[in-house]
Amino acid sequence: MNISIGRVPPQDLKEVIGKTIPIEKKFKIDQFTSLEIQNFTHPIMTEPPELLGFLSVNFPYSYSLSKSVVPLMHMFNVICPLDLETPTLKKLLITMGREMRRLSVCASDFSLSFLPGVSAPLISVTTSGYVKQNKSKQSPKPNDSVLIVGKPLLELSIRISFEKPELAEQKGGNPRHLKNSYSKLSTVEAVKLLVEFEAKSISLVGDEGIVKAAKKISYEHKVGLMIDVDKIPWDEVGLELVKSVNGDPTSTTSYGSLLAVVSKEVKDKIISSLSSKKILVSEVGRVVEGVGVWRKDDGPLTQHKDAYSLLSQNRTFIIP
């Protein structure tokens, strides 16, 4: 295929993606016309291509579910630099396609463009779905439990294993193993189960880490959160990387984990169900009176500089 500026024509696009990306442009939406439809658009940029392809499918899907929206249509707009090498593009597409099939996601639209001035691949994903009404859902209240799902800072370890493998190894990691660990960053199954158990609030941990995710819950529901930082199951390599630059792990970008507020009555059932699916989950705090986020017995949990920017030149960037 000859690369030219702009969008790849349909006939050439078929040649490039082949059967890698499942596409189904015909979609019946009549049965949902009486329901409220909501759209979310996420520009996503990160390296390497495997991580970009993985997050471009997982994050929008998880985000929609966390907002009580059941995804119906997924539109992917892949924008690449003019000098992108074919093997890199293939890695990106193969990872996207593999994850789409695992989650039973079909692209309702897929475009591929090559533009000058773009230094790395960028994927803009628009997900459309219907709002799932739940009249019995309750708001967070004091003494509800705060759970964290996943292993915060694992995404950082994975990125550094591609970018600076010698540094990851120095901090106790196995770069070869970590490079193939991006599948552990999926939160889709966890969000589905939390929704099933009527979690009162779900906040995906992403840009600027746990502090920002916790503050979203606090300000949205006008409650306080008391977090026991010592109970957070940090990725050990990621934690050592953050410590190496005197960073704050709770303020560090960490895709692939989430915070959830659940009632104490169902907490044990949720933990048991997630654990049975080999999904890491820990109780790290509780809801308290007031508005804000606090460390247990140690004052406010405040936002500091994101250590990611001190360790990587190409940090993950997603606009939720």
Protein backbone atom coordinates (compact mmCIF):
# COMPACT_ATOMS: atom_id res chain seq x y z
CA MET A 1 0.00 0.00 0.00
CA ASN A 2 1.32 3.45 -0.91
CA ILE A 3 1.05 5.81 2.03
CA SER A 4 -0.47 9.19 1.23
CA ILE A 5 -1.68 12.04 3.40
CA GLY A 6 -5.23 11.67 4.68
CA ARG A 7 -7.70 8.87 5.18
CA VAL A 8 -6.98 5.50 3.61
CA PRO A 9 -9.62 4.77 0.90
CA PRO A 10 -12.06 1.91 1.66
CA GLN A 11 -10.58 -0.41 -0.97
CA ASP A 12 -7.07 0.03 0.45
CA LEU A 13 -8.31 -0.21 4.04
CA LYS A 14 -9.66 -3.70 3.38
CA GLU A 15 -6.24 -4.69 2.12
CA VAL A 16 -4.50 -3.31 5.22
CA ILE A 17 -6.73 -4.74 7.95
CA GLY A 18 -7.89 -7.89 6.18
CA LYS A 19 -9.75 -9.97 8.76
CA THR A 20 -7.78 -8.53 11.67
CA ILE A 21 -10.50 -6.12 12.83
CA PRO A 22 -14.09 -7.41 13.15
CA ILE A 23 -16.39 -4.86 11.51
CA GLU A 24 -20.19 -4.83 11.37
CA LYS A 25 -21.57 -1.58 9.98
CA LYS A 26 -25.19 -2.76 9.84
CA PHE A 27 -26.74 -2.37 13.25
CA LYS A 28 -30.36 -2.49 14.31
CA ILE A 29 -31.12 0.02 17.00
CA ASP A 30 -34.93 0.13 16.72
CA GLN A 31 -35.43 -1.92 19.86
CA PHE A 32 -33.51 0.69 21.85
CA THR A 33 -35.21 3.83 20.52
CA SER A 34 -37.27 4.25 23.68
CA LEU A 35 -34.14 4.25 25.81
CA GLU A 36 -31.69 7.06 26.44
CA ILE A 37 -28.60 6.75 24.21
CA GLN A 38 -25.28 8.20 25.39
CA ASN A 39 -21.96 8.66 23.58
CA PHE A 40 -18.41 8.79 24.94
CA THR A 41 -15.37 9.77 22.87
CA HIS A 42 -11.84 8.99 24.08
CA PRO A 43 -8.64 10.11 22.31
CA ILE A 44 -5.99 7.59 23.35
CA MET A 45 -2.24 7.87 22.88
CA THR A 46 0.51 5.67 24.30
CA GLU A 47 3.35 3.44 23.25
CA PRO A 48 4.16 0.62 22.50
CA PRO A 49 1.52 -0.34 19.86
CA GLU A 50 0.46 -3.43 21.81
CA LEU A 51 -0.51 -1.32 24.81
CA LEU A 52 -2.23 1.28 22.64
CA GLY A 53 -4.29 -1.35 20.83
CA PHE A 54 -5.24 -3.05 24.08
CA LEU A 55 -6.31 0.13 25.90
CA SER A 56 -8.23 1.45 22.88
CA VAL A 57 -10.66 -1.46 23.23
CA ASN A 58 -10.64 -1.98 27.00
CA PHE A 59 -10.79 1.53 28.43
CA PRO A 60 -13.82 2.83 26.44
CA TYR A 61 -15.73 -0.39 27.14
CA SER A 62 -14.98 -0.26 30.89
CA TYR A 63 -15.66 3.47 31.10
CA SER A 64 -19.10 3.14 29.50
CA LEU A 65 -20.08 0.32 31.85
CA SER A 66 -18.83 2.28 34.87
CA LYS A 67 -21.24 5.09 33.87
CA SER A 68 -24.18 2.65 33.64
CA VAL A 69 -24.12 2.72 29.85
CA VAL A 70 -24.30 -0.61 27.99
CA PRO A 71 -22.06 -0.33 24.88
CA LEU A 72 -23.73 -0.99 21.54
CA MET A 73 -21.53 0.61 18.88
CA HIS A 74 -17.80 1.25 18.74
CA MET A 75 -16.20 3.59 16.19
CA PHE A 76 -12.41 3.62 15.87
CA ASN A 77 -10.43 6.39 14.16
CA VAL A 78 -6.75 5.42 13.95
CA ILE A 79 -4.39 8.30 13.11
CA CYS A 80 -0.78 7.47 12.27
CA PRO A 81 2.43 9.37 11.40
CA LEU A 82 3.48 9.24 7.76
CA ASP A 83 6.64 7.30 8.60
CA LEU A 84 4.93 4.58 10.65
CA GLU A 85 6.50 1.23 9.81
CA THR A 86 4.24 -1.56 8.58
CA PRO A 87 5.24 -4.06 11.32
CA THR A 88 4.29 -1.50 13.98
CA LEU A 89 0.90 -0.93 12.39
CA LYS A 90 0.34 -4.69 12.20
CA LYS A 91 1.14 -5.10 15.91
CA LEU A 92 -1.39 -2.40 16.71
CA LEU A 93 -4.14 -3.91 14.57
CA ILE A 94 -3.51 -7.49 15.72
CA THR A 95 -3.73 -6.47 19.39
CA MET A 96 -6.92 -4.48 18.77
CA GLY A 97 -8.54 -7.33 16.87
CA ARG A 98 -7.58 -9.95 19.44
CA GLU A 99 -9.07 -7.91 22.28
CA MET A 100 -12.22 -7.03 20.30
CA ARG A 101 -12.90 -10.71 19.72
CA ARG A 102 -12.25 -11.56 23.37
CA LEU A 103 -14.84 -8.99 24.46
CA SER A 104 -17.23 -9.69 21.54
CA VAL A 105 -16.79 -6.14 20.23
CA CYS A 106 -17.39 -5.32 16.55
CA ALA A 107 -16.40 -2.00 15.03
CA SER A 108 -19.44 -0.20 13.64
CA ASP A 109 -16.97 2.06 11.83
CA PHE A 110 -13.20 1.96 11.36
CA SER A 111 -10.99 4.54 9.69
CA LEU A 112 -7.24 4.76 9.20
CA SER A 113 -5.43 8.01 8.41
CA PHE A 114 -1.83 9.12 7.94
CA LEU A 115 -1.09 12.74 8.79
CA PRO A 116 1.99 14.97 8.90
CA GLY A 117 2.93 16.40 12.27
CA VAL A 118 1.80 13.28 14.13
CA SER A 119 4.70 11.71 16.04
CA ALA A 120 2.99 8.54 17.26
CA PRO A 121 -0.24 6.62 16.56
CA LEU A 122 -3.39 8.09 18.11
CA ILE A 123 -6.76 6.33 18.35
CA SER A 124 -10.01 8.19 18.89
CA VAL A 125 -12.75 5.84 20.05
CA THR A 126 -16.45 6.73 20.19
CA THR A 127 -18.65 4.31 22.09
CA SER A 128 -22.44 4.59 21.97
CA GLY A 129 -24.82 2.73 24.24
CA TYR A 130 -28.06 2.85 26.15
CA VAL A 131 -28.32 4.09 29.70
CA LYS A 132 -29.16 1.25 32.05
CA GLN A 133 -31.77 2.54 34.48
CA ASN A 134 -31.50 1.26 38.03
CA LYS A 135 -34.07 2.87 40.31
CA SER A 136 -32.90 0.84 43.31
CA LYS A 137 -29.29 2.02 43.09
CA GLN A 138 -28.26 3.90 46.23
CA SER A 139 -25.74 6.68 46.77
CA PRO A 140 -22.59 6.18 48.86
CA LYS A 141 -23.03 6.77 52.59
CA PRO A 142 -20.75 6.73 55.65
CA ASN A 143 -19.23 3.32 56.50
CA ASP A 144 -19.63 1.96 52.97
CA SER A 145 -16.51 0.10 51.86
CA VAL A 146 -13.96 1.38 49.33
CA LEU A 147 -12.43 -1.36 47.18
CA ILE A 148 -9.54 -1.20 44.76
CA VAL A 149 -9.42 -3.66 41.86
CA GLY A 150 -6.27 -4.49 39.95
CA LYS A 151 -2.62 -3.72 40.66
CA PRO A 152 -1.87 0.02 40.55
CA LEU A 153 1.41 0.98 38.81
CA LEU A 154 1.54 -2.23 36.73
CA GLU A 155 0.95 -0.15 33.61
CA LEU A 156 4.04 1.92 34.47
CA SER A 157 6.14 -1.24 34.85
CA ILE A 158 4.96 -2.47 31.45
CA ARG A 159 5.75 0.84 29.75
CA ILE A 160 9.22 1.08 31.26
CA SER A 161 9.94 -2.54 30.25
CA PHE A 162 9.53 -1.47 26.61
CA GLU A 163 11.17 1.93 26.94
CA LYS A 164 13.94 1.31 29.49
CA PRO A 165 14.21 -2.46 30.07
CA GLU A 166 17.46 -2.09 31.98
CA LEU A 167 15.74 0.18 34.52
CA ALA A 168 12.83 -2.23 34.98
CA GLU A 169 15.29 -5.05 35.56
CA GLN A 170 17.27 -2.92 38.01
CA LYS A 171 14.06 -2.47 40.05
CA GLY A 172 13.43 -6.21 40.25
CA GLY A 173 11.30 -6.74 37.14
CA ASN A 174 11.58 -9.18 34.26
CA PRO A 175 11.17 -6.99 31.14
CA ARG A 176 10.39 -9.95 28.89
CA HIS A 177 7.60 -11.10 31.20
CA LEU A 178 6.25 -7.60 31.79
CA LYS A 179 6.03 -6.83 28.06
CA ASN A 180 3.47 -9.61 27.76
CA SER A 181 1.48 -8.60 30.86
CA TYR A 182 -0.68 -5.85 29.36
CA SER A 183 -3.70 -8.20 29.30
CA LYS A 184 -3.75 -7.89 33.11
CA LEU A 185 -4.79 -4.25 32.71
CA SER A 186 -8.33 -5.12 31.62
CA THR A 187 -11.07 -3.93 34.01
CA VAL A 188 -14.07 -4.96 31.87
CA GLU A 189 -14.87 -8.17 33.75
CA ALA A 190 -14.48 -6.43 37.10
CA VAL A 191 -16.78 -3.55 36.14
CA LYS A 192 -19.42 -5.98 34.86
CA LEU A 193 -19.44 -7.82 38.17
CA LEU A 194 -19.49 -4.60 40.21
CA VAL A 195 -22.47 -3.37 38.20
CA GLU A 196 -24.21 -6.71 38.75
CA PHE A 197 -23.75 -6.27 42.51
CA GLU A 198 -25.02 -2.67 42.25
CA ALA A 199 -21.81 -0.94 43.30
CA LYS A 200 -22.68 2.59 44.40
CA SER A 201 -19.82 4.23 42.49
CA ILE A 202 -17.04 3.10 40.14
CA SER A 203 -14.07 5.27 39.18
CA LEU A 204 -11.40 4.02 36.77
CA VAL A 205 -7.88 4.89 37.88
CA GLY A 206 -6.07 6.64 35.05
CA ASP A 207 -4.36 9.99 34.63
CA GLU A 208 -2.82 11.21 37.91
CA GLY A 209 -3.69 8.04 39.73
CA ILE A 210 -5.67 7.04 42.78
CA VAL A 211 -5.98 10.52 44.30
CA LYS A 212 -7.80 11.86 41.24
CA ALA A 213 -10.05 8.77 40.96
CA ALA A 214 -10.99 9.05 44.63
CA LYS A 215 -11.70 12.77 44.36
CA LYS A 216 -14.07 12.11 41.45
CA ILE A 217 -16.15 9.87 43.71
CA SER A 218 -15.99 12.35 46.57
CA TYR A 219 -17.09 15.39 44.60
CA GLU A 220 -19.72 13.56 42.54
CA HIS A 221 -21.50 12.10 45.58
CA LYS A 222 -20.56 14.76 48.17
CA VAL A 223 -18.96 12.26 50.54
CA GLY A 224 -15.54 11.80 52.09
CA LEU A 225 -13.21 8.85 51.52
CA MET A 226 -10.74 7.57 54.10
CA ILE A 227 -8.01 5.57 52.36
CA ASP A 228 -5.51 3.23 54.05
CA VAL A 229 -2.59 3.64 51.62
CA ASP A 230 -0.72 0.75 53.27
CA LYS A 231 -3.43 -1.65 52.03
CA ILE A 232 -3.09 -0.71 48.35
CA PRO A 233 -1.66 -3.71 46.42
CA TRP A 234 0.97 -1.81 44.42
CA ASP A 235 2.87 -3.49 41.64
CA GLU A 236 6.25 -3.92 43.32
CA VAL A 237 8.35 -2.94 40.31
CA GLY A 238 6.16 0.09 39.62
CA LEU A 239 6.41 1.19 43.25
CA GLU A 240 10.21 0.95 43.16
CA LEU A 241 10.25 2.96 39.93
CA VAL A 242 8.18 5.73 41.54
CA LYS A 243 10.37 5.73 44.65
CA SER A 244 13.46 6.11 42.45
CA VAL A 245 12.30 9.62 41.48
CA ASN A 246 10.89 10.46 44.93
CA GLY A 247 7.40 10.35 43.47
CA ASP A 248 3.99 9.83 45.06
CA PRO A 249 2.48 6.49 43.96
CA THR A 250 -1.07 7.66 44.72
CA SER A 251 -0.63 10.56 42.26
CA THR A 252 0.93 8.47 39.48
CA THR A 253 -1.02 7.61 36.32
CA SER A 254 -2.11 3.99 36.55
CA TYR A 255 -4.50 2.55 33.98
CA GLY A 256 -5.76 -0.96 34.65
CA SER A 257 -7.17 -0.52 38.16
CA LEU A 258 -10.30 1.05 39.63
CA LEU A 259 -11.91 2.26 42.84
CA ALA A 260 -15.43 1.21 43.83
CA VAL A 261 -17.76 2.07 46.68
CA VAL A 262 -19.96 -0.82 47.81
CA SER A 263 -22.27 -1.40 50.76
CA LYS A 264 -20.83 -3.39 53.65
CA GLU A 265 -23.63 -5.95 53.24
CA VAL A 266 -22.36 -7.11 49.82
CA LYS A 267 -18.65 -6.35 50.26
CA ASP A 268 -17.64 -9.92 51.13
CA LYS A 269 -19.69 -11.37 48.26
CA ILE A 270 -18.07 -8.98 45.78
CA ILE A 271 -14.56 -9.75 47.02
CA SER A 272 -15.27 -13.49 46.85
CA SER A 273 -16.75 -13.28 43.33
CA LEU A 274 -13.87 -11.19 41.97
CA SER A 275 -11.29 -13.42 43.62
CA SER A 276 -12.94 -16.52 42.14
CA LYS A 277 -12.29 -15.02 38.70
CA LYS A 278 -8.65 -14.40 39.67
CA ILE A 279 -9.23 -10.63 39.76
CA LEU A 280 -7.14 -8.91 42.42
CA VAL A 281 -9.30 -6.90 44.85
CA SER A 282 -8.61 -5.30 48.24
CA GLU A 283 -10.59 -3.28 50.74
CA VAL A 284 -8.62 -0.06 51.19
CA GLY A 285 -10.95 2.34 52.94
CA ARG A 286 -14.41 3.54 53.83
CA VAL A 287 -16.81 6.39 53.21
CA VAL A 288 -16.88 9.12 55.87
CA GLU A 289 -18.70 12.37 56.51
CA GLY A 290 -17.67 15.52 54.62
CA VAL A 291 -16.19 16.00 51.16
CA GLY A 292 -12.59 15.15 50.33
CA VAL A 293 -10.07 12.33 50.46
CA TRP A 294 -7.93 11.52 53.49
CA ARG A 295 -5.13 9.14 54.41
CA LYS A 296 -6.05 6.96 57.35
CA ASP A 297 -4.91 8.83 60.49
CA ASP A 298 -2.67 11.15 58.46
CA GLY A 299 -4.51 14.15 57.02
CA PRO A 300 -5.64 14.90 53.43
CA LEU A 301 -4.57 12.70 50.52
CA THR A 302 -3.31 15.40 48.17
CA GLN A 303 -2.38 15.47 44.49
CA HIS A 304 1.33 15.70 43.72
CA LYS A 305 3.33 15.72 40.49
CA ASP A 306 2.74 12.63 38.37
CA ALA A 307 5.91 10.51 38.62
CA TYR A 308 5.07 8.99 35.23
CA SER A 309 6.32 12.15 33.50
CA LEU A 310 9.68 11.79 35.29
CA LEU A 311 10.15 8.20 34.15
CA SER A 312 8.75 8.05 30.62
CA GLN A 313 8.83 10.30 27.59
CA ASN A 314 5.63 8.80 26.20
CA ARG A 315 3.20 8.41 29.09
CA THR A 316 -0.25 7.01 28.51
CA PHE A 317 -2.76 9.73 27.72
CA ILE A 318 -6.53 9.21 27.58
CA ILE A 319 -9.20 11.88 27.74
CA PRO A 320 -12.16 10.28 29.62
